[in-house]
Amino acid sequence: MVRKSVVVELESGLQARPAADFVKKANQYAAELFIEKDTKRINAKSIMGLMSLAIASGDQIELIADGSDDQTAVDELIAFISDKK
């Protein structure tokens, strides 16, 4: 299991298009993936769950992964949300 805390640096946060792209990327991995914000935990492969967190630029979240490719999944998803496009 891998658990990392990260600050979202995407200008628009994880809203609309970036959220859809994040979920698409998350679904490429076999590992179970979760995002925690404050006290709420959602499945990172669920667009509705992700949208319910209303993650804005500058928010701190926890990425949690458990499975055969958990480290790769967390590293690549962190790279995605750390990209200041």
N, C-alpha and C. Protein backbone atom coordinates (compact mmCIF):
# COMPACT_ATOMS: atom_id res chain seq x y z
N MET A 1 0.85 -1.19 0.00
CA MET A 1 0.00 0.00 0.00
C MET A 1 0.89 1.24 0.00
N VAL A 2 0.50 2.21 -0.81
CA VAL A 2 1.22 3.47 -0.91
C VAL A 2 0.25 4.59 -0.56
N ARG A 3 0.73 5.54 0.25
CA ARG A 3 -0.10 6.69 0.66
C ARG A 3 0.77 7.93 0.60
N LYS A 4 0.33 8.92 -0.18
CA LYS A 4 1.11 10.17 -0.30
C LYS A 4 0.19 11.38 -0.26
N SER A 5 0.68 12.40 0.39
CA SER A 5 -0.03 13.67 0.47
C SER A 5 0.53 14.59 -0.60
N VAL A 6 -0.34 15.33 -1.26
CA VAL A 6 0.09 16.20 -2.35
C VAL A 6 -0.82 17.43 -2.43
N VAL A 7 -0.26 18.54 -2.87
CA VAL A 7 -1.03 19.76 -3.11
C VAL A 7 -1.35 19.82 -4.60
N VAL A 8 -2.62 20.02 -4.92
CA VAL A 8 -3.05 20.10 -6.32
C VAL A 8 -2.59 21.42 -6.90
N GLU A 9 -1.81 21.35 -7.98
CA GLU A 9 -1.26 22.55 -8.59
C GLU A 9 -1.92 22.92 -9.91
N LEU A 10 -2.82 22.07 -10.40
CA LEU A 10 -3.52 22.40 -11.65
C LEU A 10 -4.30 23.69 -11.44
N GLU A 11 -4.22 24.60 -12.40
CA GLU A 11 -4.85 25.90 -12.28
C GLU A 11 -6.34 25.80 -11.99
N SER A 12 -7.02 24.84 -12.64
CA SER A 12 -8.47 24.70 -12.44
C SER A 12 -8.80 23.63 -11.41
N GLY A 13 -7.80 23.11 -10.71
CA GLY A 13 -8.05 22.04 -9.75
C GLY A 13 -8.47 20.77 -10.48
N LEU A 14 -9.23 19.93 -9.81
CA LEU A 14 -9.74 18.72 -10.45
C LEU A 14 -11.23 18.90 -10.72
N GLN A 15 -11.53 19.80 -11.62
CA GLN A 15 -12.89 20.11 -12.04
C GLN A 15 -13.03 19.79 -13.53
N ALA A 16 -14.20 19.38 -13.94
CA ALA A 16 -14.55 19.15 -15.35
C ALA A 16 -13.50 18.35 -16.12
N ARG A 17 -12.87 18.95 -17.11
CA ARG A 17 -11.93 18.23 -17.99
C ARG A 17 -10.77 17.58 -17.23
N PRO A 18 -10.08 18.32 -16.35
CA PRO A 18 -8.99 17.67 -15.60
C PRO A 18 -9.47 16.48 -14.76
N ALA A 19 -10.67 16.57 -14.21
CA ALA A 19 -11.21 15.46 -13.42
C ALA A 19 -11.44 14.24 -14.31
N ALA A 20 -11.99 14.46 -15.48
CA ALA A 20 -12.23 13.36 -16.42
C ALA A 20 -10.90 12.73 -16.86
N ASP A 21 -9.91 13.56 -17.12
CA ASP A 21 -8.59 13.05 -17.52
C ASP A 21 -7.94 12.28 -16.38
N PHE A 22 -8.10 12.76 -15.15
CA PHE A 22 -7.53 12.09 -13.99
C PHE A 22 -8.16 10.70 -13.83
N VAL A 23 -9.48 10.63 -13.92
CA VAL A 23 -10.18 9.35 -13.76
C VAL A 23 -9.79 8.38 -14.88
N LYS A 24 -9.66 8.90 -16.09
CA LYS A 24 -9.25 8.06 -17.23
C LYS A 24 -7.86 7.47 -16.95
N LYS A 25 -6.95 8.30 -16.44
CA LYS A 25 -5.60 7.84 -16.12
C LYS A 25 -5.64 6.84 -14.97
N ALA A 26 -6.43 7.11 -13.94
CA ALA A 26 -6.53 6.22 -12.78
C ALA A 26 -7.03 4.83 -13.19
N ASN A 27 -7.93 4.79 -14.15
CA ASN A 27 -8.50 3.52 -14.60
C ASN A 27 -7.52 2.66 -15.39
N GLN A 28 -6.35 3.18 -15.71
CA GLN A 28 -5.33 2.41 -16.42
C GLN A 28 -4.56 1.47 -15.49
N TYR A 29 -4.77 1.62 -14.18
CA TYR A 29 -4.01 0.84 -13.20
C TYR A 29 -4.87 -0.23 -12.55
N ALA A 30 -4.22 -1.34 -12.22
CA ALA A 30 -4.92 -2.45 -11.56
C ALA A 30 -5.17 -2.14 -10.08
N ALA A 31 -4.32 -1.33 -9.48
CA ALA A 31 -4.42 -1.03 -8.05
C ALA A 31 -5.75 -0.35 -7.72
N GLU A 32 -6.22 -0.59 -6.50
CA GLU A 32 -7.35 0.18 -5.99
C GLU A 32 -6.81 1.56 -5.65
N LEU A 33 -7.51 2.60 -6.06
CA LEU A 33 -7.04 3.98 -5.87
C LEU A 33 -8.10 4.80 -5.15
N PHE A 34 -7.66 5.55 -4.16
CA PHE A 34 -8.57 6.40 -3.40
C PHE A 34 -7.97 7.78 -3.22
N ILE A 35 -8.84 8.77 -3.06
CA ILE A 35 -8.42 10.13 -2.73
C ILE A 35 -9.13 10.51 -1.45
N GLU A 36 -8.37 11.09 -0.53
CA GLU A 36 -8.94 11.63 0.70
C GLU A 36 -8.74 13.14 0.72
N LYS A 37 -9.82 13.84 1.05
CA LYS A 37 -9.75 15.29 1.25
C LYS A 37 -10.54 15.57 2.52
N ASP A 38 -9.89 16.21 3.47
CA ASP A 38 -10.49 16.43 4.79
C ASP A 38 -10.85 15.06 5.37
N THR A 39 -12.10 14.79 5.61
CA THR A 39 -12.50 13.50 6.21
C THR A 39 -13.20 12.59 5.21
N LYS A 40 -13.25 12.98 3.95
CA LYS A 40 -13.98 12.20 2.94
C LYS A 40 -13.03 11.40 2.07
N ARG A 41 -13.35 10.13 1.83
CA ARG A 41 -12.55 9.25 0.96
C ARG A 41 -13.43 8.78 -0.18
N ILE A 42 -12.89 8.89 -1.42
CA ILE A 42 -13.64 8.45 -2.60
C ILE A 42 -12.76 7.53 -3.45
N ASN A 43 -13.40 6.76 -4.29
CA ASN A 43 -12.72 5.92 -5.27
C ASN A 43 -12.19 6.85 -6.36
N ALA A 44 -10.88 6.85 -6.59
CA ALA A 44 -10.27 7.76 -7.57
C ALA A 44 -10.62 7.38 -9.00
N LYS A 45 -11.26 6.24 -9.20
CA LYS A 45 -11.65 5.82 -10.54
C LYS A 45 -13.09 6.20 -10.84
N SER A 46 -13.71 6.97 -9.96
CA SER A 46 -15.11 7.39 -10.10
C SER A 46 -15.19 8.89 -10.35
N ILE A 47 -15.70 9.27 -11.51
CA ILE A 47 -15.83 10.70 -11.85
C ILE A 47 -16.80 11.39 -10.89
N MET A 48 -17.88 10.72 -10.53
CA MET A 48 -18.86 11.34 -9.62
C MET A 48 -18.25 11.54 -8.22
N GLY A 49 -17.50 10.55 -7.76
CA GLY A 49 -16.84 10.67 -6.47
C GLY A 49 -15.84 11.82 -6.47
N LEU A 50 -15.06 11.90 -7.53
CA LEU A 50 -14.04 12.95 -7.63
C LEU A 50 -14.68 14.33 -7.69
N MET A 51 -15.74 14.47 -8.46
CA MET A 51 -16.43 15.76 -8.57
C MET A 51 -17.04 16.17 -7.21
N SER A 52 -17.46 15.18 -6.42
CA SER A 52 -18.09 15.48 -5.13
C SER A 52 -17.11 16.12 -4.14
N LEU A 53 -15.81 15.92 -4.36
CA LEU A 53 -14.81 16.52 -3.46
C LEU A 53 -14.55 17.99 -3.77
N ALA A 54 -14.91 18.45 -4.97
CA ALA A 54 -14.71 19.84 -5.37
C ALA A 54 -13.27 20.30 -5.09
N ILE A 55 -12.31 19.57 -5.64
CA ILE A 55 -10.89 19.84 -5.38
C ILE A 55 -10.43 21.04 -6.21
N ALA A 56 -9.98 22.08 -5.51
CA ALA A 56 -9.52 23.30 -6.17
C ALA A 56 -7.99 23.35 -6.16
N SER A 57 -7.45 24.23 -6.98
CA SER A 57 -6.01 24.46 -6.99
C SER A 57 -5.57 24.90 -5.60
N GLY A 58 -4.50 24.29 -5.10
CA GLY A 58 -3.99 24.62 -3.78
C GLY A 58 -4.49 23.71 -2.67
N ASP A 59 -5.51 22.89 -2.96
CA ASP A 59 -6.03 21.95 -1.96
C ASP A 59 -5.03 20.82 -1.73
N GLN A 60 -4.94 20.36 -0.50
CA GLN A 60 -4.11 19.21 -0.17
C GLN A 60 -4.99 17.98 -0.12
N ILE A 61 -4.53 16.92 -0.81
CA ILE A 61 -5.25 15.66 -0.82
C ILE A 61 -4.28 14.52 -0.52
N GLU A 62 -4.83 13.36 -0.19
CA GLU A 62 -4.04 12.15 0.00
C GLU A 62 -4.40 11.19 -1.11
N LEU A 63 -3.40 10.64 -1.76
CA LEU A 63 -3.61 9.57 -2.74
C LEU A 63 -3.24 8.26 -2.07
N ILE A 64 -4.12 7.29 -2.17
CA ILE A 64 -3.90 5.99 -1.55
C ILE A 64 -4.08 4.93 -2.64
N ALA A 65 -3.11 4.03 -2.72
CA ALA A 65 -3.17 2.97 -3.72
C ALA A 65 -2.78 1.64 -3.09
N ASP A 66 -3.45 0.60 -3.53
CA ASP A 66 -3.14 -0.73 -3.03
C ASP A 66 -3.31 -1.73 -4.17
N GLY A 67 -2.21 -2.36 -4.55
CA GLY A 67 -2.26 -3.33 -5.63
C GLY A 67 -0.89 -3.51 -6.27
N SER A 68 -0.85 -4.30 -7.32
CA SER A 68 0.42 -4.66 -7.94
C SER A 68 1.18 -3.48 -8.53
N ASP A 69 0.48 -2.46 -8.98
CA ASP A 69 1.14 -1.29 -9.59
C ASP A 69 0.90 -0.01 -8.79
N ASP A 70 0.74 -0.16 -7.46
CA ASP A 70 0.38 0.99 -6.63
C ASP A 70 1.38 2.13 -6.65
N GLN A 71 2.68 1.83 -6.59
CA GLN A 71 3.70 2.90 -6.59
C GLN A 71 3.69 3.66 -7.91
N THR A 72 3.63 2.95 -9.02
CA THR A 72 3.58 3.59 -10.34
C THR A 72 2.34 4.46 -10.48
N ALA A 73 1.20 3.94 -10.04
CA ALA A 73 -0.05 4.69 -10.14
C ALA A 73 0.03 5.99 -9.36
N VAL A 74 0.50 5.92 -8.12
CA VAL A 74 0.59 7.13 -7.29
C VAL A 74 1.58 8.13 -7.89
N ASP A 75 2.74 7.66 -8.32
CA ASP A 75 3.74 8.56 -8.91
C ASP A 75 3.20 9.27 -10.14
N GLU A 76 2.52 8.54 -11.03
CA GLU A 76 2.03 9.16 -12.27
C GLU A 76 0.83 10.07 -12.02
N LEU A 77 -0.03 9.72 -11.07
CA LEU A 77 -1.17 10.59 -10.76
C LEU A 77 -0.71 11.87 -10.05
N ILE A 78 0.32 11.76 -9.20
CA ILE A 78 0.90 12.96 -8.59
C ILE A 78 1.50 13.86 -9.65
N ALA A 79 2.21 13.27 -10.61
CA ALA A 79 2.79 14.07 -11.70
C ALA A 79 1.67 14.79 -12.47
N PHE A 80 0.54 14.12 -12.67
CA PHE A 80 -0.58 14.72 -13.39
C PHE A 80 -1.14 15.94 -12.64
N ILE A 81 -1.37 15.83 -11.34
CA ILE A 81 -1.98 16.94 -10.61
C ILE A 81 -0.96 18.00 -10.18
N SER A 82 0.31 17.71 -10.39
CA SER A 82 1.35 18.70 -10.07
C SER A 82 1.76 19.51 -11.29
N ASP A 83 1.18 19.20 -12.44
CA ASP A 83 1.51 19.89 -13.68
C ASP A 83 0.78 21.22 -13.75
N LYS A 84 1.55 22.31 -13.75
CA LYS A 84 0.95 23.66 -13.75
C LYS A 84 0.64 24.13 -15.16
N LYS A 85 -0.26 23.45 -15.83
CA LYS A 85 -0.62 23.82 -17.22
C LYS A 85 -1.30 25.15 -17.27
